[in-house]
Amino acid sequence: MARLYANENFPLPVVETLRSLGHDVLTIQETGRGGQAISDEAVLSFAVGAKRAVLTLNRKHFIQLHGRRPRHFGIIACSFDADFEKQGRRIHDAIGSESLENRLIRVNRP
């Protein structure tokens, strides 16, 4: 299963769904960095150092960041969906069993 790092605005119920599906998800709050307005670049740098893919709803910035820094352990850019369980399952399905390294995955609400 995937090693993921959830950005600050990422919904905790989606994190919990992903954990229930076997993914190792660390949140920015769990690192003690929540509420500090950490830059997207710093979020990606932390994720790279921890060998984790970033989970984010901040699609525009992270898609641009992927273009500038294409070497990372994955970026999963999602649209918001209030059905958190279904969103978690869509992310799980999108991740699949392939390596996330250097990949940008977009997970959109149907």
PDB file of N, CA and C in Angstrom:
ATOM      1  N   MET A   1       0.833  -1.187   0.000  1.00  0.00           N
ATOM      2  CA  MET A   1       0.000   0.000   0.000  1.00  0.00           C
ATOM      3  C   MET A   1       0.879   1.253   0.000  1.00  0.00           C
ATOM      4  N   ALA A   2       0.268   2.384  -0.249  1.00  0.00           N
ATOM      5  CA  ALA A   2       1.011   3.624  -0.440  1.00  0.00           C
ATOM      6  C   ALA A   2       1.332   4.333   0.876  1.00  0.00           C
ATOM      7  N   ARG A   3       2.467   5.046   0.854  1.00  0.00           N
ATOM      8  CA  ARG A   3       2.862   5.939   1.945  1.00  0.00           C
ATOM      9  C   ARG A   3       2.474   7.348   1.500  1.00  0.00           C
ATOM     10  N   LEU A   4       1.548   7.964   2.233  1.00  0.00           N
ATOM     11  CA  LEU A   4       0.970   9.236   1.821  1.00  0.00           C
ATOM     12  C   LEU A   4       1.162  10.312   2.892  1.00  0.00           C
ATOM     13  N   TYR A   5       1.168  11.567   2.453  1.00  0.00           N
ATOM     14  CA  TYR A   5       1.276  12.723   3.339  1.00  0.00           C
ATOM     15  C   TYR A   5       0.149  13.684   2.984  1.00  0.00           C
ATOM     16  N   ALA A   6      -0.808  13.851   3.894  1.00  0.00           N
ATOM     17  CA  ALA A   6      -1.986  14.679   3.635  1.00  0.00           C
ATOM     18  C   ALA A   6      -1.711  16.137   3.972  1.00  0.00           C
ATOM     19  N   ASN A   7      -1.912  17.004   2.995  1.00  0.00           N
ATOM     20  CA  ASN A   7      -1.760  18.442   3.169  1.00  0.00           C
ATOM     21  C   ASN A   7      -2.795  18.955   4.182  1.00  0.00           C
ATOM     22  N   GLU A   8      -2.581  20.145   4.668  1.00  0.00           N
ATOM     23  CA  GLU A   8      -3.384  20.673   5.772  1.00  0.00           C
ATOM     24  C   GLU A   8      -4.878  20.731   5.495  1.00  0.00           C
ATOM     25  N   ASN A   9      -5.259  21.037   4.284  1.00  0.00           N
ATOM     26  CA  ASN A   9      -6.682  21.178   3.980  1.00  0.00           C
ATOM     27  C   ASN A   9      -7.346  19.855   3.607  1.00  0.00           C
ATOM     28  N   PHE A  10      -6.622  18.757   3.689  1.00  0.00           N
ATOM     29  CA  PHE A  10      -7.171  17.484   3.249  1.00  0.00           C
ATOM     30  C   PHE A  10      -8.096  16.904   4.328  1.00  0.00           C
ATOM     31  N   PRO A  11      -9.311  16.476   3.961  1.00  0.00           N
ATOM     32  CA  PRO A  11     -10.308  16.020   4.949  1.00  0.00           C
ATOM     33  C   PRO A  11      -9.878  14.759   5.715  1.00  0.00           C
ATOM     34  N   LEU A  12      -9.936  14.843   7.028  1.00  0.00           N
ATOM     35  CA  LEU A  12      -9.567  13.715   7.882  1.00  0.00           C
ATOM     36  C   LEU A  12     -10.410  12.467   7.612  1.00  0.00           C
ATOM     37  N   PRO A  13     -11.721  12.583   7.329  1.00  0.00           N
ATOM     38  CA  PRO A  13     -12.485  11.359   7.025  1.00  0.00           C
ATOM     39  C   PRO A  13     -11.954  10.605   5.798  1.00  0.00           C
ATOM     40  N   VAL A  14     -11.392  11.317   4.828  1.00  0.00           N
ATOM     41  CA  VAL A  14     -10.801  10.646   3.669  1.00  0.00           C
ATOM     42  C   VAL A  14      -9.525   9.929   4.109  1.00  0.00           C
ATOM     43  N   VAL A  15      -8.733  10.590   4.955  1.00  0.00           N
ATOM     44  CA  VAL A  15      -7.527   9.966   5.512  1.00  0.00           C
ATOM     45  C   VAL A  15      -7.897   8.675   6.223  1.00  0.00           C
ATOM     46  N   GLU A  16      -8.938   8.719   7.035  1.00  0.00           N
ATOM     47  CA  GLU A  16      -9.365   7.539   7.786  1.00  0.00           C
ATOM     48  C   GLU A  16      -9.819   6.418   6.857  1.00  0.00           C
ATOM     49  N   THR A  17     -10.517   6.762   5.786  1.00  0.00           N
ATOM     50  CA  THR A  17     -10.926   5.752   4.810  1.00  0.00           C
ATOM     51  C   THR A  17      -9.699   5.111   4.168  1.00  0.00           C
ATOM     52  N   LEU A  18      -8.731   5.937   3.778  1.00  0.00           N
ATOM     53  CA  LEU A  18      -7.513   5.398   3.166  1.00  0.00           C
ATOM     54  C   LEU A  18      -6.759   4.495   4.134  1.00  0.00           C
ATOM     55  N   ARG A  19      -6.718   4.885   5.410  1.00  0.00           N
ATOM     56  CA  ARG A  19      -6.066   4.034   6.409  1.00  0.00           C
ATOM     57  C   ARG A  19      -6.794   2.698   6.532  1.00  0.00           C
ATOM     58  N   SER A  20      -8.116   2.741   6.491  1.00  0.00           N
ATOM     59  CA  SER A  20      -8.887   1.493   6.612  1.00  0.00           C
ATOM     60  C   SER A  20      -8.655   0.576   5.416  1.00  0.00           C
ATOM     61  N   LEU A  21      -8.222   1.154   4.297  1.00  0.00           N
ATOM     62  CA  LEU A  21      -7.922   0.377   3.093  1.00  0.00           C
ATOM     63  C   LEU A  21      -6.457  -0.072   3.060  1.00  0.00           C
ATOM     64  N   GLY A  22      -5.716   0.228   4.136  1.00  0.00           N
ATOM     65  CA  GLY A  22      -4.352  -0.274   4.270  1.00  0.00           C
ATOM     66  C   GLY A  22      -3.238   0.698   3.949  1.00  0.00           C
ATOM     67  N   HIS A  23      -3.568   1.944   3.630  1.00  0.00           N
ATOM     68  CA  HIS A  23      -2.541   2.927   3.301  1.00  0.00           C
ATOM     69  C   HIS A  23      -1.951   3.544   4.570  1.00  0.00           C
ATOM     70  N   ASP A  24      -0.678   3.884   4.504  1.00  0.00           N
ATOM     71  CA  ASP A  24       0.035   4.548   5.590  1.00  0.00           C
ATOM     72  C   ASP A  24      -0.059   6.051   5.325  1.00  0.00           C
ATOM     73  N   VAL A  25      -0.977   6.725   6.024  1.00  0.00           N
ATOM     74  CA  VAL A  25      -1.214   8.146   5.783  1.00  0.00           C
ATOM     75  C   VAL A  25      -0.790   8.954   7.005  1.00  0.00           C
ATOM     76  N   LEU A  26       0.079   9.926   6.769  1.00  0.00           N
ATOM     77  CA  LEU A  26       0.532  10.862   7.790  1.00  0.00           C
ATOM     78  C   LEU A  26      -0.064  12.217   7.439  1.00  0.00           C
ATOM     79  N   THR A  27      -0.642  12.906   8.426  1.00  0.00           N
ATOM     80  CA  THR A  27      -1.202  14.232   8.167  1.00  0.00           C
ATOM     81  C   THR A  27      -0.209  15.306   8.605  1.00  0.00           C
ATOM     82  N   ILE A  28      -0.337  16.472   8.025  1.00  0.00           N
ATOM     83  CA  ILE A  28       0.525  17.586   8.408  1.00  0.00           C
ATOM     84  C   ILE A  28       0.313  17.939   9.887  1.00  0.00           C
ATOM     85  N   GLN A  29      -0.910  17.764  10.382  1.00  0.00           N
ATOM     86  CA  GLN A  29      -1.190  18.033  11.791  1.00  0.00           C
ATOM     87  C   GLN A  29      -0.426  17.070  12.694  1.00  0.00           C
ATOM     88  N   GLU A  30      -0.307  15.827  12.275  1.00  0.00           N
ATOM     89  CA  GLU A  30       0.408  14.822  13.066  1.00  0.00           C
ATOM     90  C   GLU A  30       1.909  15.090  13.129  1.00  0.00           C
ATOM     91  N   THR A  31       2.408  15.877  12.202  1.00  0.00           N
ATOM     92  CA  THR A  31       3.829  16.228  12.227  1.00  0.00           C
ATOM     93  C   THR A  31       4.086  17.463  13.083  1.00  0.00           C
ATOM     94  N   GLY A  32       3.018  18.074  13.621  1.00  0.00           N
ATOM     95  CA  GLY A  32       3.162  19.284  14.426  1.00  0.00           C
ATOM     96  C   GLY A  32       3.302  20.546  13.597  1.00  0.00           C
ATOM     97  N   ARG A  33       3.019  20.447  12.290  1.00  0.00           N
ATOM     98  CA  ARG A  33       3.180  21.591  11.397  1.00  0.00           C
ATOM     99  C   ARG A  33       1.846  22.192  10.961  1.00  0.00           C
ATOM    100  N   GLY A  34       0.754  21.728  11.542  1.00  0.00           N
ATOM    101  CA  GLY A  34      -0.564  22.245  11.188  1.00  0.00           C
ATOM    102  C   GLY A  34      -0.741  23.679  11.655  1.00  0.00           C
ATOM    103  N   GLY A  35      -1.539  24.453  10.935  1.00  0.00           N
ATOM    104  CA  GLY A  35      -1.849  25.828  11.312  1.00  0.00           C
ATOM    105  C   GLY A  35      -0.688  26.789  11.161  1.00  0.00           C
ATOM    106  N   GLN A  36       0.339  26.405  10.421  1.00  0.00           N
ATOM    107  CA  GLN A  36       1.520  27.257  10.268  1.00  0.00           C
ATOM    108  C   GLN A  36       1.658  27.847   8.870  1.00  0.00           C
ATOM    109  N   ALA A  37       0.661  27.667   8.048  1.00  0.00           N
ATOM    110  CA  ALA A  37       0.685  28.187   6.675  1.00  0.00           C
ATOM    111  C   ALA A  37       1.968  27.775   5.955  1.00  0.00           C
ATOM    112  N   ILE A  38       2.292  26.493   6.041  1.00  0.00           N
ATOM    113  CA  ILE A  38       3.477  25.940   5.383  1.00  0.00           C
ATOM    114  C   ILE A  38       3.297  26.071   3.866  1.00  0.00           C
ATOM    115  N   SER A  39       4.327  26.499   3.177  1.00  0.00           N
ATOM    116  CA  SER A  39       4.240  26.657   1.724  1.00  0.00           C
ATOM    117  C   SER A  39       4.100  25.288   1.043  1.00  0.00           C
ATOM    118  N   ASP A  40       3.541  25.324  -0.158  1.00  0.00           N
ATOM    119  CA  ASP A  40       3.393  24.083  -0.929  1.00  0.00           C
ATOM    120  C   ASP A  40       4.758  23.457  -1.207  1.00  0.00           C
ATOM    121  N   GLU A  41       5.743  24.275  -1.482  1.00  0.00           N
ATOM    122  CA  GLU A  41       7.093  23.776  -1.724  1.00  0.00           C
ATOM    123  C   GLU A  41       7.628  23.045  -0.493  1.00  0.00           C
ATOM    124  N   ALA A  42       7.380  23.601   0.700  1.00  0.00           N
ATOM    125  CA  ALA A  42       7.838  22.967   1.941  1.00  0.00           C
ATOM    126  C   ALA A  42       7.078  21.665   2.194  1.00  0.00           C
ATOM    127  N   VAL A  43       5.800  21.636   1.861  1.00  0.00           N
ATOM    128  CA  VAL A  43       5.008  20.400   2.002  1.00  0.00           C
ATOM    129  C   VAL A  43       5.610  19.312   1.111  1.00  0.00           C
ATOM    130  N   LEU A  44       5.894  19.660  -0.145  1.00  0.00           N
ATOM    131  CA  LEU A  44       6.469  18.683  -1.059  1.00  0.00           C
ATOM    132  C   LEU A  44       7.859  18.252  -0.591  1.00  0.00           C
ATOM    133  N   SER A  45       8.666  19.190  -0.111  1.00  0.00           N
ATOM    134  CA  SER A  45      10.008  18.851   0.382  1.00  0.00           C
ATOM    135  C   SER A  45       9.941  17.882   1.553  1.00  0.00           C
ATOM    136  N   PHE A  46       9.007  18.126   2.482  1.00  0.00           N
ATOM    137  CA  PHE A  46       8.846  17.214   3.615  1.00  0.00           C
ATOM    138  C   PHE A  46       8.453  15.825   3.115  1.00  0.00           C
ATOM    139  N   ALA A  47       7.494  15.783   2.183  1.00  0.00           N
ATOM    140  CA  ALA A  47       7.030  14.503   1.650  1.00  0.00           C
ATOM    141  C   ALA A  47       8.168  13.753   0.963  1.00  0.00           C
ATOM    142  N   VAL A  48       8.995  14.461   0.213  1.00  0.00           N
ATOM    143  CA  VAL A  48      10.134  13.823  -0.459  1.00  0.00           C
ATOM    144  C   VAL A  48      11.085  13.254   0.582  1.00  0.00           C
ATOM    145  N   GLY A  49      11.377  14.042   1.624  1.00  0.00           N
ATOM    146  CA  GLY A  49      12.269  13.570   2.676  1.00  0.00           C
ATOM    147  C   GLY A  49      11.736  12.352   3.406  1.00  0.00           C
ATOM    148  N   ALA A  50      10.419  12.275   3.512  1.00  0.00           N
ATOM    149  CA  ALA A  50       9.776  11.147   4.193  1.00  0.00           C
ATOM    150  C   ALA A  50       9.411  10.010   3.226  1.00  0.00           C
ATOM    151  N   LYS A  51       9.720  10.191   1.951  1.00  0.00           N
ATOM    152  CA  LYS A  51       9.405   9.208   0.906  1.00  0.00           C
ATOM    153  C   LYS A  51       7.915   8.884   0.862  1.00  0.00           C
ATOM    154  N   ARG A  52       7.116   9.976   0.837  1.00  0.00           N
ATOM    155  CA  ARG A  52       5.662   9.852   0.792  1.00  0.00           C
ATOM    156  C   ARG A  52       5.101  10.665  -0.376  1.00  0.00           C
ATOM    157  N   ALA A  53       3.969  10.229  -0.890  1.00  0.00           N
ATOM    158  CA  ALA A  53       3.241  10.988  -1.906  1.00  0.00           C
ATOM    159  C   ALA A  53       2.338  11.993  -1.203  1.00  0.00           C
ATOM    160  N   VAL A  54       2.191  13.168  -1.788  1.00  0.00           N
ATOM    161  CA  VAL A  54       1.349  14.222  -1.226  1.00  0.00           C
ATOM    162  C   VAL A  54      -0.100  14.004  -1.645  1.00  0.00           C
ATOM    163  N   LEU A  55      -1.007  14.138  -0.675  1.00  0.00           N
ATOM    164  CA  LEU A  55      -2.458  14.173  -0.922  1.00  0.00           C
ATOM    165  C   LEU A  55      -2.892  15.615  -0.736  1.00  0.00           C
ATOM    166  N   THR A  56      -3.546  16.190  -1.721  1.00  0.00           N
ATOM    167  CA  THR A  56      -3.931  17.592  -1.602  1.00  0.00           C
ATOM    168  C   THR A  56      -5.220  17.906  -2.352  1.00  0.00           C
ATOM    169  N   LEU A  57      -5.904  18.926  -1.867  1.00  0.00           N
ATOM    170  CA  LEU A  57      -7.031  19.507  -2.597  1.00  0.00           C
ATOM    171  C   LEU A  57      -6.570  20.764  -3.333  1.00  0.00           C
ATOM    172  N   ASN A  58      -5.351  21.179  -3.078  1.00  0.00           N
ATOM    173  CA  ASN A  58      -4.771  22.376  -3.688  1.00  0.00           C
ATOM    174  C   ASN A  58      -4.220  22.000  -5.065  1.00  0.00           C
ATOM    175  N   ARG A  59      -5.132  21.679  -5.945  1.00  0.00           N
ATOM    176  CA  ARG A  59      -4.779  21.105  -7.235  1.00  0.00           C
ATOM    177  C   ARG A  59      -3.924  22.032  -8.092  1.00  0.00           C
ATOM    178  N   LYS A  60      -4.364  23.251  -8.274  1.00  0.00           N
ATOM    179  CA  LYS A  60      -3.668  24.169  -9.176  1.00  0.00           C
ATOM    180  C   LYS A  60      -2.195  24.320  -8.794  1.00  0.00           C
ATOM    181  N   HIS A  61      -1.933  24.608  -7.533  1.00  0.00           N
ATOM    182  CA  HIS A  61      -0.553  24.852  -7.110  1.00  0.00           C
ATOM    183  C   HIS A  61       0.317  23.597  -7.193  1.00  0.00           C
ATOM    184  N   PHE A  62      -0.239  22.456  -6.804  1.00  0.00           N
ATOM    185  CA  PHE A  62       0.577  21.247  -6.833  1.00  0.00           C
ATOM    186  C   PHE A  62       0.782  20.711  -8.254  1.00  0.00           C
ATOM    187  N   ILE A  63      -0.154  20.950  -9.145  1.00  0.00           N
ATOM    188  CA  ILE A  63       0.059  20.582 -10.545  1.00  0.00           C
ATOM    189  C   ILE A  63       1.184  21.439 -11.115  1.00  0.00           C
ATOM    190  N   GLN A  64       1.184  22.732 -10.804  1.00  0.00           N
ATOM    191  CA  GLN A  64       2.271  23.612 -11.235  1.00  0.00           C
ATOM    192  C   GLN A  64       3.594  23.195 -10.595  1.00  0.00           C
ATOM    193  N   LEU A  65       3.540  22.851  -9.322  1.00  0.00           N
ATOM    194  CA  LEU A  65       4.747  22.434  -8.605  1.00  0.00           C
ATOM    195  C   LEU A  65       5.327  21.153  -9.218  1.00  0.00           C
ATOM    196  N   HIS A  66       4.466  20.241  -9.615  1.00  0.00           N
ATOM    197  CA  HIS A  66       4.919  19.017 -10.297  1.00  0.00           C
ATOM    198  C   HIS A  66       5.692  19.376 -11.568  1.00  0.00           C
ATOM    199  N   GLY A  67       5.240  20.390 -12.282  1.00  0.00           N
ATOM    200  CA  GLY A  67       5.938  20.822 -13.492  1.00  0.00           C
ATOM    201  C   GLY A  67       7.316  21.387 -13.192  1.00  0.00           C
ATOM    202  N   ARG A  68       7.452  22.063 -12.054  1.00  0.00           N
ATOM    203  CA  ARG A  68       8.744  22.661 -11.679  1.00  0.00           C
ATOM    204  C   ARG A  68       9.658  21.679 -10.967  1.00  0.00           C
ATOM    205  N   ARG A  69       9.067  20.738 -10.223  1.00  0.00           N
ATOM    206  CA  ARG A  69       9.843  19.756  -9.456  1.00  0.00           C
ATOM    207  C   ARG A  69       9.300  18.357  -9.731  1.00  0.00           C
ATOM    208  N   PRO A  70       9.589  17.816 -10.894  1.00  0.00           N
ATOM    209  CA  PRO A  70       8.987  16.534 -11.279  1.00  0.00           C
ATOM    210  C   PRO A  70       9.558  15.313 -10.557  1.00  0.00           C
ATOM    211  N   ARG A  71      10.596  15.489  -9.751  1.00  0.00           N
ATOM    212  CA  ARG A  71      11.178  14.357  -9.029  1.00  0.00           C
ATOM    213  C   ARG A  71      10.660  14.374  -7.593  1.00  0.00           C
ATOM    214  N   HIS A  72       9.782  13.417  -7.285  1.00  0.00           N
ATOM    215  CA  HIS A  72       9.166  13.319  -5.965  1.00  0.00           C
ATOM    216  C   HIS A  72       8.605  11.918  -5.809  1.00  0.00           C
ATOM    217  N   PHE A  73       7.882  11.676  -4.733  1.00  0.00           N
ATOM    218  CA  PHE A  73       7.330  10.341  -4.490  1.00  0.00           C
ATOM    219  C   PHE A  73       5.837  10.284  -4.812  1.00  0.00           C
ATOM    220  N   GLY A  74       5.362  11.247  -5.581  1.00  0.00           N
ATOM    221  CA  GLY A  74       3.985  11.270  -6.039  1.00  0.00           C
ATOM    222  C   GLY A  74       3.213  12.458  -5.522  1.00  0.00           C
ATOM    223  N   ILE A  75       2.312  12.941  -6.344  1.00  0.00           N
ATOM    224  CA  ILE A  75       1.368  13.997  -5.972  1.00  0.00           C
ATOM    225  C   ILE A  75      -0.004  13.507  -6.399  1.00  0.00           C
ATOM    226  N   ILE A  76      -0.931  13.486  -5.454  1.00  0.00           N
ATOM    227  CA  ILE A  76      -2.307  13.086  -5.743  1.00  0.00           C
ATOM    228  C   ILE A  76      -3.168  14.322  -5.511  1.00  0.00           C
ATOM    229  N   ALA A  77      -3.567  14.944  -6.609  1.00  0.00           N
ATOM    230  CA  ALA A  77      -4.331  16.193  -6.572  1.00  0.00           C
ATOM    231  C   ALA A  77      -5.811  15.869  -6.760  1.00  0.00           C
ATOM    232  N   CYS A  78      -6.604  16.201  -5.752  1.00  0.00           N
ATOM    233  CA  CYS A  78      -8.020  15.811  -5.734  1.00  0.00           C
ATOM    234  C   CYS A  78      -8.940  17.021  -5.777  1.00  0.00           C
ATOM    235  N   SER A  79     -10.113  16.833  -6.354  1.00  0.00           N
ATOM    236  CA  SER A  79     -11.173  17.825  -6.216  1.00  0.00           C
ATOM    237  C   SER A  79     -11.941  17.481  -4.936  1.00  0.00           C
ATOM    238  N   PHE A  80     -12.608  18.476  -4.352  1.00  0.00           N
ATOM    239  CA  PHE A  80     -13.352  18.249  -3.109  1.00  0.00           C
ATOM    240  C   PHE A  80     -14.596  17.423  -3.398  1.00  0.00           C
ATOM    241  N   ASP A  81     -14.878  16.499  -2.513  1.00  0.00           N
ATOM    242  CA  ASP A  81     -16.099  15.699  -2.587  1.00  0.00           C
ATOM    243  C   ASP A  81     -16.581  15.475  -1.164  1.00  0.00           C
ATOM    244  N   ALA A  82     -17.795  15.885  -0.861  1.00  0.00           N
ATOM    245  CA  ALA A  82     -18.345  15.733   0.484  1.00  0.00           C
ATOM    246  C   ALA A  82     -18.622  14.277   0.853  1.00  0.00           C
ATOM    247  N   ASP A  83     -18.636  13.393  -0.130  1.00  0.00           N
ATOM    248  CA  ASP A  83     -18.784  11.963   0.157  1.00  0.00           C
ATOM    249  C   ASP A  83     -17.375  11.410   0.377  1.00  0.00           C
ATOM    250  N   PHE A  84     -16.887  11.575   1.604  1.00  0.00           N
ATOM    251  CA  PHE A  84     -15.497  11.275   1.928  1.00  0.00           C
ATOM    252  C   PHE A  84     -15.125   9.814   1.699  1.00  0.00           C
ATOM    253  N   GLU A  85     -16.033   8.909   2.027  1.00  0.00           N
ATOM    254  CA  GLU A  85     -15.719   7.492   1.840  1.00  0.00           C
ATOM    255  C   GLU A  85     -15.525   7.162   0.365  1.00  0.00           C
ATOM    256  N   LYS A  86     -16.414   7.677  -0.472  1.00  0.00           N
ATOM    257  CA  LYS A  86     -16.265   7.423  -1.913  1.00  0.00           C
ATOM    258  C   LYS A  86     -15.001   8.080  -2.453  1.00  0.00           C
ATOM    259  N   GLN A  87     -14.670   9.252  -1.936  1.00  0.00           N
ATOM    260  CA  GLN A  87     -13.449   9.905  -2.382  1.00  0.00           C
ATOM    261  C   GLN A  87     -12.221   9.063  -2.001  1.00  0.00           C
ATOM    262  N   GLY A  88     -12.216   8.548  -0.788  1.00  0.00           N
ATOM    263  CA  GLY A  88     -11.121   7.685  -0.361  1.00  0.00           C
ATOM    264  C   GLY A  88     -10.986   6.454  -1.250  1.00  0.00           C
ATOM    265  N   ARG A  89     -12.106   5.876  -1.617  1.00  0.00           N
ATOM    266  CA  ARG A  89     -12.070   4.690  -2.480  1.00  0.00           C
ATOM    267  C   ARG A  89     -11.595   5.037  -3.896  1.00  0.00           C
ATOM    268  N   ARG A  90     -11.991   6.229  -4.402  1.00  0.00           N
ATOM    269  CA  ARG A  90     -11.506   6.653  -5.720  1.00  0.00           C
ATOM    270  C   ARG A  90      -9.992   6.851  -5.701  1.00  0.00           C
ATOM    271  N   ILE A  91      -9.480   7.432  -4.614  1.00  0.00           N
ATOM    272  CA  ILE A  91      -8.032   7.617  -4.484  1.00  0.00           C
ATOM    273  C   ILE A  91      -7.352   6.253  -4.443  1.00  0.00           C
ATOM    274  N   HIS A  92      -7.880   5.354  -3.631  1.00  0.00           N
ATOM    275  CA  HIS A  92      -7.337   3.994  -3.523  1.00  0.00           C
ATOM    276  C   HIS A  92      -7.270   3.329  -4.898  1.00  0.00           C
ATOM    277  N   ASP A  93      -8.346   3.426  -5.670  1.00  0.00           N
ATOM    278  CA  ASP A  93      -8.396   2.824  -7.000  1.00  0.00           C
ATOM    279  C   ASP A  93      -7.400   3.496  -7.949  1.00  0.00           C
ATOM    280  N   ALA A  94      -7.257   4.817  -7.837  1.00  0.00           N
ATOM    281  CA  ALA A  94      -6.346   5.561  -8.720  1.00  0.00           C
ATOM    282  C   ALA A  94      -4.889   5.228  -8.429  1.00  0.00           C
ATOM    283  N   ILE A  95      -4.590   4.976  -7.169  1.00  0.00           N
ATOM    284  CA  ILE A  95      -3.210   4.651  -6.785  1.00  0.00           C
ATOM    285  C   ILE A  95      -2.811   3.311  -7.372  1.00  0.00           C
ATOM    286  N   GLY A  96      -3.698   2.344  -7.289  1.00  0.00           N
ATOM    287  CA  GLY A  96      -3.393   1.014  -7.804  1.00  0.00           C
ATOM    288  C   GLY A  96      -2.196   0.411  -7.099  1.00  0.00           C
ATOM    289  N   SER A  97      -1.485  -0.436  -7.782  1.00  0.00           N
ATOM    290  CA  SER A  97      -0.331  -1.115  -7.178  1.00  0.00           C
ATOM    291  C   SER A  97       0.987  -0.653  -7.788  1.00  0.00           C
ATOM    292  N   GLU A  98       0.937   0.317  -8.681  1.00  0.00           N
ATOM    293  CA  GLU A  98       2.147   0.823  -9.318  1.00  0.00           C
ATOM    294  C   GLU A  98       2.842   1.834  -8.407  1.00  0.00           C
ATOM    295  N   SER A  99       4.111   2.053  -8.670  1.00  0.00           N
ATOM    296  CA  SER A  99       4.866   3.063  -7.936  1.00  0.00           C
ATOM    297  C   SER A  99       4.281   4.442  -8.217  1.00  0.00           C
ATOM    298  N   LEU A 100       4.267   5.282  -7.197  1.00  0.00           N
ATOM    299  CA  LEU A 100       3.784   6.653  -7.358  1.00  0.00           C
ATOM    300  C   LEU A 100       4.932   7.614  -7.670  1.00  0.00           C
ATOM    301  N   GLU A 101       6.144   7.109  -7.634  1.00  0.00           N
ATOM    302  CA  GLU A 101       7.317   7.968  -7.786  1.00  0.00           C
ATOM    303  C   GLU A 101       7.241   8.790  -9.072  1.00  0.00           C
ATOM    304  N   ASN A 102       7.388  10.114  -8.908  1.00  0.00           N
ATOM    305  CA  ASN A 102       7.401  11.107  -9.994  1.00  0.00           C
ATOM    306  C   ASN A 102       6.079  11.217 -10.743  1.00  0.00           C
ATOM    307  N   ARG A 103       5.015  10.618 -10.218  1.00  0.00           N
ATOM    308  CA  ARG A 103       3.710  10.650 -10.893  1.00  0.00           C
ATOM    309  C   ARG A 103       2.806  11.729 -10.319  1.00  0.00           C
ATOM    310  N   LEU A 104       2.037  12.348 -11.182  1.00  0.00           N
ATOM    311  CA  LEU A 104       0.953  13.246 -10.804  1.00  0.00           C
ATOM    312  C   LEU A 104      -0.341  12.498 -11.114  1.00  0.00           C
ATOM    313  N   ILE A 105      -1.150  12.284 -10.086  1.00  0.00           N
ATOM    314  CA  ILE A 105      -2.426  11.595 -10.252  1.00  0.00           C
ATOM    315  C   ILE A 105      -3.533  12.586  -9.911  1.00  0.00           C
ATOM    316  N   ARG A 106      -4.498  12.715 -10.791  1.00  0.00           N
ATOM    317  CA  ARG A 106      -5.641  13.600 -10.550  1.00  0.00           C
ATOM    318  C   ARG A 106      -6.855  12.732 -10.222  1.00  0.00           C
ATOM    319  N   VAL A 107      -7.485  13.043  -9.112  1.00  0.00           N
ATOM    320  CA  VAL A 107      -8.675  12.301  -8.693  1.00  0.00           C
ATOM    321  C   VAL A 107      -9.799  13.317  -8.588  1.00  0.00           C
ATOM    322  N   ASN A 108     -10.735  13.230  -9.522  1.00  0.00           N
ATOM    323  CA  ASN A 108     -11.818  14.204  -9.595  1.00  0.00           C
ATOM    324  C   ASN A 108     -13.146  13.613  -9.144  1.00  0.00           C
ATOM    325  N   ARG A 109     -13.973  14.467  -8.611  1.00  0.00           N
ATOM    326  CA  ARG A 109     -15.338  14.092  -8.214  1.00  0.00           C
ATOM    327  C   ARG A 109     -16.098  13.740  -9.493  1.00  0.00           C
ATOM    328  N   PRO A 110     -16.881  12.654  -9.468  1.00  0.00           N
ATOM    329  CA  PRO A 110     -17.605  12.267 -10.692  1.00  0.00           C
ATOM    330  C   PRO A 110     -18.686  13.276 -11.055  1.00  0.00           C
TER     331      PRO A 110
END
